[in-house]
């Protein structure tokens, strides 16, 4: 029970800390449209705050600071931002009614992942979680910029050496190490469930923002959609319960960046303040999950094409060019050494196919895309035949496919959804190139 209550309190602390940090940053240097008391804006604040914590801690760790001193500096700077911005836009500290419902639904969905802790005092670490926890434990006594020496008495150091030598993603472990240092615990396994649950919450927030700004769905429809994803078993839930920590944080950053780009694409007067947030979200994604960064790069290209045509018609091309230059400068400043690391890592990772080799048929692969992946994996791992023995999941696949087809025309009629269309086309291309080529 103590462990369960601790996870819930830590989840609440992460929400309040990142919300106030993101809000303070936007109060001081954010664009005016992000300072409206609306649920979309308020859902973005904790995503921005999480990115600030991750990137700032990562910079200090690359400079050689241990987790303790680096965490103290991050929290001190966050507190300074809050103090400097406290009297500005005081109304934003009060949640919008829909934001309150969204936060409660996301929190309830996250707490569902703590049920094994509450019922049996256990948690599933038999996945990628151990790698992130090893890195977090090592960062308590070392900076990531410090070379990890081979230690025969500590075989887990080999994982750190691989991440340093191969330039593997590390942002999620920076955040995990920060939380571990705040809680003064010896092992990251104590606080890992809350950090993973927080990634789940951020992904839901980002989906809400994307549905409102990019797809322009009705607020009530968007809220119902997010609440459904929060409490049901779906691919997002499956990823959160199977140790995909970097993918979860990367998904939130990617979706938030796409939503913000779609919000800005038809603005006649983009400003440098817009570039600050775009650069931050891009650096956040690059640090947490650089494998997704090429998708954001292609969406950026679509933004330049669509936004450039709009700016040409309204004779605002110089302003758009300065906006893009400022965003690029902020991105390089926030990402710093992660740009070099990601450049080397992506050259290798984009040429490799990672994952489990499951003997899926084309129908089963589509069923996975419609939300049945978590069921099929376990059935294939134990050698069960999916299609005949699971008629309920076949029916669910048909239903979700029908809803997907019905919803496409309504989505693509929205003017801001052009960037979403580009992203959708990119994902279909990746599916055909790397997915269908591997199935029967």
Protein backbone atom coordinates (compact mmCIF):
# COMPACT_ATOMS: atom_id res chain seq x y z
CA UNK A 1 0.00 0.00 0.00
CA UNK A 2 2.84 2.41 0.80
CA UNK A 3 4.40 1.85 -2.62
CA UNK A 4 1.03 2.41 -4.31
CA UNK A 5 0.32 5.64 -2.43
CA UNK A 6 3.86 6.83 -3.18
CA UNK A 7 3.36 6.32 -6.92
CA UNK A 8 0.10 8.30 -6.85
CA UNK A 9 1.69 11.17 -4.92
CA UNK A 10 4.71 11.18 -7.24
CA UNK A 11 2.41 11.31 -10.28
CA UNK A 12 0.64 14.31 -8.76
CA UNK A 13 4.00 15.97 -8.03
CA UNK A 14 5.14 15.47 -11.63
CA UNK A 15 1.95 17.06 -12.91
CA UNK A 16 2.16 20.11 -10.65
CA UNK A 17 5.90 20.62 -11.14
CA UNK A 18 5.93 20.35 -14.92
CA UNK A 19 2.66 22.27 -15.28
CA UNK A 20 4.00 25.24 -13.32
CA UNK A 21 7.36 25.11 -15.12
CA UNK A 22 5.81 25.01 -18.58
CA UNK A 23 3.30 27.71 -17.68
CA UNK A 24 6.02 29.96 -16.27
CA UNK A 25 8.17 29.59 -19.40
CA UNK A 26 5.24 30.43 -21.67
CA UNK A 27 4.22 33.38 -19.50
CA UNK A 28 7.67 34.89 -19.91
CA UNK A 29 8.51 34.01 -23.52
CA UNK A 30 5.58 32.17 -25.07
CA UNK A 31 3.25 33.41 -27.84
CA UNK A 32 0.04 35.11 -26.65
CA UNK A 33 -2.31 32.46 -28.08
CA UNK A 34 -0.80 29.88 -25.69
CA UNK A 35 -1.78 32.01 -22.71
CA UNK A 36 -5.51 31.58 -23.10
CA UNK A 37 -7.44 29.77 -20.38
CA UNK A 38 -8.45 26.85 -22.58
CA UNK A 39 -7.94 23.10 -22.07
CA UNK A 40 -5.71 22.75 -25.17
CA UNK A 41 -3.28 25.37 -23.90
CA UNK A 42 -3.35 24.02 -20.36
CA UNK A 43 -2.72 20.47 -21.60
CA UNK A 44 0.41 21.74 -23.38
CA UNK A 45 1.99 23.24 -20.25
CA UNK A 46 3.07 19.94 -18.59
CA UNK A 47 4.46 18.69 -21.92
CA UNK A 48 6.60 21.83 -22.22
CA UNK A 49 7.63 21.58 -18.57
CA UNK A 50 8.68 17.95 -18.96
CA UNK A 51 10.77 18.88 -21.98
CA UNK A 52 12.47 21.66 -20.02
CA UNK A 53 13.35 19.30 -17.17
CA UNK A 54 14.62 16.56 -19.48
CA UNK A 55 16.75 18.81 -21.69
CA UNK A 56 18.21 20.92 -18.89
CA UNK A 57 19.11 17.88 -16.80
CA UNK A 58 20.60 16.25 -19.91
CA UNK A 59 22.79 19.26 -20.63
CA UNK A 60 24.11 19.29 -17.07
CA UNK A 61 24.70 15.55 -17.14
CA UNK A 62 26.62 15.81 -20.42
CA UNK A 63 28.77 18.44 -18.70
CA UNK A 64 29.66 15.84 -16.05
CA UNK A 65 27.31 16.66 -13.16
CA UNK A 66 25.86 13.86 -11.08
CA UNK A 67 22.10 13.54 -10.70
CA UNK A 68 21.97 15.25 -7.31
CA UNK A 69 23.59 18.59 -8.26
CA UNK A 70 21.96 18.58 -11.70
CA UNK A 71 18.52 18.06 -10.17
CA UNK A 72 19.09 20.87 -7.67
CA UNK A 73 19.94 23.26 -10.51
CA UNK A 74 16.93 22.18 -12.60
CA UNK A 75 14.51 22.65 -9.71
CA UNK A 76 16.08 25.96 -8.71
CA UNK A 77 15.76 27.35 -12.23
CA UNK A 78 12.18 26.07 -12.47
CA UNK A 79 11.34 27.79 -9.18
CA UNK A 80 12.97 30.98 -10.45
CA UNK A 81 10.79 30.88 -13.58
CA UNK A 82 7.67 30.42 -11.47
CA UNK A 83 8.58 33.32 -9.18
CA UNK A 84 9.39 35.68 -12.06
CA UNK A 85 6.12 34.91 -13.84
CA UNK A 86 3.79 34.48 -10.87
CA UNK A 87 1.89 37.76 -11.22
CA UNK A 88 1.42 37.46 -14.97
CA UNK A 89 -1.84 35.97 -16.25
CA UNK A 90 -2.88 34.81 -12.79
CA UNK A 91 -6.12 33.34 -14.16
CA UNK A 92 -4.14 30.58 -15.92
CA UNK A 93 -3.38 28.92 -12.60
CA UNK A 94 -7.07 27.93 -12.43
CA UNK A 95 -7.97 24.90 -14.52
CA UNK A 96 -10.58 25.06 -17.23
CA UNK A 97 -13.50 22.70 -16.53
CA UNK A 98 -12.60 20.41 -19.45
CA UNK A 99 -8.95 20.42 -18.41
CA UNK A 100 -9.98 19.25 -14.95
CA UNK A 101 -11.98 16.37 -16.45
CA UNK A 102 -9.13 15.52 -18.85
CA UNK A 103 -6.54 15.51 -16.05
CA UNK A 104 -8.71 13.34 -13.80
CA UNK A 105 -9.41 10.86 -16.60
CA UNK A 106 -5.73 10.66 -17.53
CA UNK A 107 -4.76 10.25 -13.87
CA UNK A 108 -7.33 7.47 -13.42
CA UNK A 109 -6.00 5.72 -16.51
CA UNK A 110 -2.45 6.04 -15.23
CA UNK A 111 -3.36 4.74 -11.78
CA UNK A 112 -4.85 1.64 -13.41
CA UNK A 113 -1.28 0.63 -14.24
CA UNK A 114 -0.56 0.66 -10.48
CA UNK A 115 -3.15 -2.05 -9.75
CA UNK A 116 -0.53 -4.86 -9.61
CA UNK A 117 1.27 -2.78 -6.97
CA UNK A 118 -1.93 -2.22 -5.00
CA UNK A 119 -3.18 -5.82 -5.22
CA UNK A 120 0.02 -7.82 -5.01
CA UNK A 121 2.91 -5.43 -4.40
CA UNK A 122 4.52 -6.27 -7.76
CA UNK A 123 5.23 -4.54 -11.08
CA UNK A 124 6.29 -5.91 -14.47
CA UNK A 125 9.94 -5.01 -15.07
CA UNK A 126 10.52 -7.93 -17.45
CA UNK A 127 10.93 -5.67 -20.50
CA UNK A 128 12.98 -2.65 -21.60
CA UNK A 129 12.49 -1.06 -18.17
CA UNK A 130 15.66 -2.59 -16.78
CA UNK A 131 17.83 -0.72 -19.31
CA UNK A 132 16.34 2.65 -18.36
CA UNK A 133 16.68 1.87 -14.66
CA UNK A 134 20.32 0.82 -15.04
CA UNK A 135 21.11 4.14 -16.71
CA UNK A 136 19.25 6.08 -14.03
CA UNK A 137 21.08 4.29 -11.22
CA UNK A 138 24.44 4.96 -12.87
CA UNK A 139 23.63 8.64 -13.36
CA UNK A 140 23.16 9.07 -9.61
CA UNK A 141 26.93 8.80 -9.19
CA UNK A 142 28.20 9.91 -12.58
CA UNK A 143 27.53 12.44 -15.30
CA UNK A 144 26.70 11.02 -18.72
CA UNK A 145 29.62 12.97 -20.10
CA UNK A 146 31.91 10.83 -17.94
CA UNK A 147 33.24 7.79 -19.74
CA UNK A 148 31.92 4.54 -18.26
CA UNK A 149 34.82 2.24 -17.51
CA UNK A 150 34.44 -1.50 -17.93
CA UNK A 151 33.72 -3.13 -14.58
CA UNK A 152 33.70 -6.92 -14.30
CA UNK A 153 32.02 -6.67 -10.89
CA UNK A 154 29.16 -4.58 -12.27
CA UNK A 155 27.93 -6.07 -15.56
CA UNK A 156 25.17 -3.43 -15.84
CA UNK A 157 27.81 -0.81 -16.68
CA UNK A 158 27.98 -2.49 -20.10
CA UNK A 159 24.54 -1.01 -20.83
CA UNK A 160 25.84 2.48 -20.11
CA UNK A 161 28.86 1.88 -22.33
CA UNK A 162 26.60 0.80 -25.21
CA UNK A 163 24.52 3.97 -24.89
CA UNK A 164 27.65 6.10 -24.90
CA UNK A 165 29.43 4.33 -27.74
CA UNK A 166 26.39 3.87 -30.00
CA UNK A 167 24.82 7.26 -29.13
CA UNK A 168 21.52 5.63 -28.16
CA UNK A 169 18.58 7.70 -26.90
CA UNK A 170 19.00 8.83 -23.32
CA UNK A 171 16.47 11.60 -22.64
CA UNK A 172 13.95 9.36 -20.87
CA UNK A 173 16.67 8.12 -18.51
CA UNK A 174 17.62 11.72 -17.73
CA UNK A 175 14.07 12.37 -16.54
CA UNK A 176 14.01 9.09 -14.61
CA UNK A 177 17.31 9.98 -12.92
CA UNK A 178 15.98 13.43 -12.04
CA UNK A 179 12.90 11.96 -10.35
CA UNK A 180 15.03 9.37 -8.59
CA UNK A 181 17.29 12.11 -7.21
CA UNK A 182 14.28 14.14 -6.03
CA UNK A 183 12.87 11.14 -4.16
CA UNK A 184 16.24 10.16 -2.61
CA UNK A 185 15.85 6.48 -3.48
CA UNK A 186 18.73 4.11 -4.19
CA UNK A 187 17.03 2.19 -7.01
CA UNK A 188 15.11 3.57 -9.96
CA UNK A 189 12.73 0.60 -9.76
CA UNK A 190 11.04 2.30 -6.79
CA UNK A 191 9.85 5.27 -8.85
CA UNK A 192 9.83 3.82 -12.39
CA UNK A 193 6.06 2.99 -12.42
CA UNK A 194 5.14 6.65 -11.78
CA UNK A 195 7.55 7.92 -14.45
CA UNK A 196 6.06 5.51 -16.99
CA UNK A 197 2.53 6.49 -15.93
CA UNK A 198 3.47 10.14 -16.41
CA UNK A 199 4.53 9.38 -20.00
CA UNK A 200 1.09 7.81 -20.52
CA UNK A 201 -0.59 10.97 -19.20
CA UNK A 202 1.49 13.21 -21.50
CA UNK A 203 0.60 11.07 -24.51
CA UNK A 204 -3.10 11.51 -23.71
CA UNK A 205 -2.65 15.28 -23.31
CA UNK A 206 -0.86 15.44 -26.67
CA UNK A 207 -3.61 13.43 -28.36
CA UNK A 208 -6.20 15.83 -26.99
CA UNK A 209 -4.27 18.83 -28.35
CA UNK A 210 -3.79 17.15 -31.74
CA UNK A 211 -7.50 16.33 -32.05
CA UNK A 212 -8.48 19.91 -31.22
CA UNK A 213 -5.87 21.94 -33.12
CA UNK A 214 -5.09 19.70 -36.06
CA UNK A 215 -8.28 17.71 -36.62
CA UNK A 216 -10.58 20.38 -35.13
CA UNK A 217 -12.86 17.85 -33.49
CA UNK A 218 -15.61 19.10 -31.19
CA UNK A 219 -14.40 19.63 -27.58
CA UNK A 220 -16.88 17.11 -26.15
CA UNK A 221 -15.98 14.51 -28.79
CA UNK A 222 -12.29 15.01 -28.15
CA UNK A 223 -12.74 14.70 -24.41
CA UNK A 224 -14.77 11.49 -24.79
CA UNK A 225 -12.11 10.08 -27.13
CA UNK A 226 -9.32 10.83 -24.67
CA UNK A 227 -11.25 9.42 -21.72
CA UNK A 228 -11.90 6.22 -23.68
CA UNK A 229 -8.21 5.81 -24.46
CA UNK A 230 -7.38 6.44 -20.81
CA UNK A 231 -9.43 3.59 -19.38
CA UNK A 232 -9.43 0.92 -22.12
CA UNK A 233 -6.81 -1.53 -23.32
CA UNK A 234 -5.30 -0.11 -26.51
CA UNK A 235 -1.86 0.18 -28.15
CA UNK A 236 -0.96 3.19 -26.00
CA UNK A 237 -1.83 1.29 -22.84
CA UNK A 238 0.00 -1.77 -24.13
CA UNK A 239 3.16 0.26 -24.73
CA UNK A 240 2.93 1.83 -21.27
CA UNK A 241 2.65 -1.55 -19.56
CA UNK A 242 5.51 -3.14 -21.50
CA UNK A 243 8.39 -0.79 -20.80
CA UNK A 244 8.35 1.41 -23.92
CA UNK A 245 9.42 4.46 -21.93
CA UNK A 246 11.28 6.33 -24.67
CA UNK A 247 8.55 5.68 -27.23
CA UNK A 248 5.89 6.99 -24.85
CA UNK A 249 7.72 10.27 -24.15
CA UNK A 250 8.65 10.60 -27.82
CA UNK A 251 5.03 10.09 -28.91
CA UNK A 252 3.83 12.89 -26.65
CA UNK A 253 6.49 15.27 -27.95
CA UNK A 254 5.83 14.37 -31.61
CA UNK A 255 2.05 14.76 -31.39
CA UNK A 256 2.34 18.06 -29.52
CA UNK A 257 4.78 19.41 -32.12
CA UNK A 258 2.52 18.41 -35.02
CA UNK A 259 -0.48 19.98 -33.29
CA UNK A 260 1.42 23.22 -32.73
CA UNK A 261 2.61 23.33 -36.33
CA UNK A 262 -0.95 22.87 -37.57
CA UNK A 263 -2.03 25.72 -35.28
CA UNK A 264 0.65 28.01 -36.72
CA UNK A 265 0.53 27.09 -40.40
CA UNK A 266 -2.02 29.76 -41.39
CA UNK A 267 -0.92 32.52 -39.06
CA UNK A 268 -0.08 35.70 -40.93
CA UNK A 269 2.35 36.97 -38.31
CA UNK A 270 4.49 34.13 -36.88
CA UNK A 271 6.89 35.35 -34.22
CA UNK A 272 10.10 34.29 -32.55
CA UNK A 273 8.10 33.25 -29.51
CA UNK A 274 6.46 30.57 -31.65
CA UNK A 275 9.91 29.37 -32.64
CA UNK A 276 10.91 29.01 -28.99
CA UNK A 277 8.23 26.40 -28.30
CA UNK A 278 8.72 24.60 -31.62
CA UNK A 279 12.45 24.37 -31.02
CA UNK A 280 11.88 23.07 -27.50
CA UNK A 281 9.44 20.35 -28.61
CA UNK A 282 11.75 19.27 -31.44
CA UNK A 283 14.71 19.00 -29.08
CA UNK A 284 12.53 17.12 -26.57
CA UNK A 285 11.64 14.56 -29.26
CA UNK A 286 15.25 14.25 -30.41
CA UNK A 287 16.44 13.53 -26.88
CA UNK A 288 13.66 11.10 -25.93
CA UNK A 289 13.14 9.17 -29.17
CA UNK A 290 15.20 10.33 -32.18
CA UNK A 291 13.84 7.50 -34.35
CA UNK A 292 10.62 9.51 -34.68
CA UNK A 293 12.41 12.74 -35.55
CA UNK A 294 12.44 12.13 -39.35
CA UNK A 295 8.63 12.09 -39.23
CA UNK A 296 8.64 15.51 -37.58
CA UNK A 297 11.17 16.67 -40.17
CA UNK A 298 8.81 15.74 -43.00
CA UNK A 299 5.94 17.50 -41.25
CA UNK A 300 8.20 20.55 -40.97
CA UNK A 301 8.73 20.33 -44.73
CA UNK A 302 4.97 20.27 -45.24
CA UNK A 303 4.69 23.28 -42.93
CA UNK A 304 7.18 25.19 -45.09
CA UNK A 305 5.28 24.31 -48.27
CA UNK A 306 1.76 25.05 -47.01
CA UNK A 307 2.81 27.97 -44.83
CA UNK A 308 5.07 29.35 -47.54
CA UNK A 309 2.23 29.39 -50.06
CA UNK A 310 0.00 31.13 -47.53
CA UNK A 311 2.73 33.66 -46.68
CA UNK A 312 3.36 34.33 -50.38
CA UNK A 313 -0.30 35.17 -50.95
CA UNK A 314 -0.28 37.56 -47.99
CA UNK A 315 3.24 38.92 -48.68
CA UNK A 316 4.67 37.80 -45.35
CA UNK A 317 7.48 35.55 -46.59
CA UNK A 318 10.25 37.52 -44.79
CA UNK A 319 8.44 37.13 -41.48
CA UNK A 320 7.99 33.39 -42.07
CA UNK A 321 11.67 33.03 -42.98
CA UNK A 322 12.75 34.76 -39.77
CA UNK A 323 10.34 32.57 -37.81
CA UNK A 324 11.87 29.40 -39.28
CA UNK A 325 15.41 30.66 -38.61
CA UNK A 326 14.58 31.48 -34.99
CA UNK A 327 12.94 28.08 -34.47
CA UNK A 328 16.05 26.36 -35.89
CA UNK A 329 18.32 28.36 -33.57
CA UNK A 330 16.23 27.50 -30.52
CA UNK A 331 16.18 23.85 -31.56
CA UNK A 332 19.97 23.72 -31.81
CA UNK A 333 20.32 25.54 -28.49
CA UNK A 334 17.95 23.20 -26.64
CA UNK A 335 19.18 20.00 -28.29
CA UNK A 336 22.92 20.93 -28.20
CA UNK A 337 24.98 17.72 -28.09
CA UNK A 338 21.94 15.53 -28.72
CA UNK A 339 21.99 16.73 -32.35
CA UNK A 340 25.41 15.15 -32.87
CA UNK A 341 24.48 11.98 -30.99
CA UNK A 342 21.22 11.55 -32.90
CA UNK A 343 22.93 12.19 -36.25
CA UNK A 344 25.31 9.28 -35.66
CA UNK A 345 22.66 7.00 -34.15
CA UNK A 346 20.06 7.52 -36.87
CA UNK A 347 22.49 6.50 -39.61
CA UNK A 348 22.59 3.06 -38.04
CA UNK A 349 19.05 2.75 -36.66
CA UNK A 350 17.23 3.74 -39.86
CA UNK A 351 18.97 0.90 -41.70
CA UNK A 352 17.90 -1.75 -39.19
CA UNK A 353 14.58 -3.45 -38.53
CA UNK A 354 13.94 -3.80 -34.81
CA UNK A 355 11.14 -5.68 -33.15
CA UNK A 356 9.68 -9.12 -32.63
CA UNK A 357 9.41 -11.38 -35.65
CA UNK A 358 5.79 -12.50 -35.40
CA UNK A 359 4.20 -14.66 -38.12
CA UNK A 360 1.31 -12.27 -38.81
CA UNK A 361 -0.95 -12.48 -41.82
CA UNK A 362 -1.99 -9.29 -43.60
CA UNK A 363 -5.36 -9.35 -41.80
CA UNK A 364 -3.70 -9.80 -38.41
CA UNK A 365 -1.32 -6.98 -39.14
CA UNK A 366 -4.22 -4.66 -39.93
CA UNK A 367 -6.00 -5.88 -36.81
CA UNK A 368 -2.93 -4.86 -34.83
CA UNK A 369 -3.09 -1.39 -36.38
CA UNK A 370 -6.73 -1.16 -35.28
CA UNK A 371 -5.86 -1.87 -31.66
CA UNK A 372 -5.59 -5.64 -31.21
CA UNK A 373 -1.79 -5.89 -31.12
CA UNK A 374 -1.56 -6.65 -27.40
CA UNK A 375 -3.80 -9.71 -27.71
CA UNK A 376 -2.15 -11.14 -30.81
CA UNK A 377 1.40 -10.95 -29.53
CA UNK A 378 0.71 -13.13 -26.54
CA UNK A 379 -1.30 -15.62 -28.59
CA UNK A 380 1.46 -15.93 -31.16
CA UNK A 381 4.12 -16.25 -28.48
CA UNK A 382 2.33 -19.27 -27.06
CA UNK A 383 1.66 -20.66 -30.53
CA UNK A 384 -2.11 -20.04 -30.59
CA UNK A 385 -4.00 -19.34 -33.79
CA UNK A 386 -5.45 -15.83 -33.62
CA UNK A 387 -8.27 -15.69 -36.16
CA UNK A 388 -10.51 -18.70 -35.37
CA UNK A 389 -10.18 -18.61 -31.58
CA UNK A 390 -10.71 -14.89 -31.04
CA UNK A 391 -13.89 -13.89 -32.92
CA UNK A 392 -14.51 -10.98 -30.56
CA UNK A 393 -11.26 -9.32 -31.65
CA UNK A 394 -12.11 -9.90 -35.30
CA UNK A 395 -15.42 -8.12 -34.75
CA UNK A 396 -13.65 -5.30 -32.93
CA UNK A 397 -11.27 -4.94 -35.87
CA UNK A 398 -14.16 -4.67 -38.32
CA UNK A 399 -15.89 -2.09 -36.11
CA UNK A 400 -12.76 0.05 -35.69
CA UNK A 401 -12.04 -0.15 -39.44
CA UNK A 402 -15.55 1.07 -40.22
CA UNK A 403 -15.24 3.96 -37.77
CA UNK A 404 -11.81 4.78 -39.19
CA UNK A 405 -13.16 4.98 -42.75
CA UNK A 406 -16.21 7.01 -41.69
CA UNK A 407 -14.04 9.52 -39.86
CA UNK A 408 -11.46 10.11 -42.61
CA UNK A 409 -13.59 12.44 -44.82
CA UNK A 410 -14.57 14.60 -41.86
CA UNK A 411 -10.94 14.89 -40.80
CA UNK A 412 -9.52 15.72 -44.22
CA UNK A 413 -12.05 18.48 -44.82
CA UNK A 414 -10.43 20.53 -42.06
CA UNK A 415 -8.04 23.18 -43.33
CA UNK A 416 -5.42 22.55 -40.67
CA UNK A 417 -5.40 18.80 -41.23
CA UNK A 418 -3.08 19.00 -44.24
CA UNK A 419 -0.09 18.46 -41.99
CA UNK A 420 -1.90 15.48 -40.49
CA UNK A 421 -2.42 14.10 -43.99
CA UNK A 422 1.32 14.33 -44.65
CA UNK A 423 2.09 12.55 -41.39
CA UNK A 424 -0.49 9.89 -42.22
CA UNK A 425 1.10 9.38 -45.64
CA UNK A 426 4.54 9.04 -44.06
CA UNK A 427 3.30 6.40 -41.62
CA UNK A 428 1.60 4.48 -44.45
CA UNK A 429 4.88 4.55 -46.39
CA UNK A 430 6.76 3.20 -43.37
CA UNK A 431 4.08 0.54 -42.91
CA UNK A 432 4.42 -0.63 -46.51
CA UNK A 433 8.22 -0.49 -46.56
CA UNK A 434 9.03 -1.99 -43.16
CA UNK A 435 5.80 -3.70 -42.13
CA UNK A 436 4.08 -5.50 -44.99
CA UNK A 437 7.40 -6.67 -46.38
CA UNK A 438 7.93 -8.73 -43.23
CA UNK A 439 4.59 -10.56 -43.10
CA UNK A 440 3.21 -13.48 -44.98
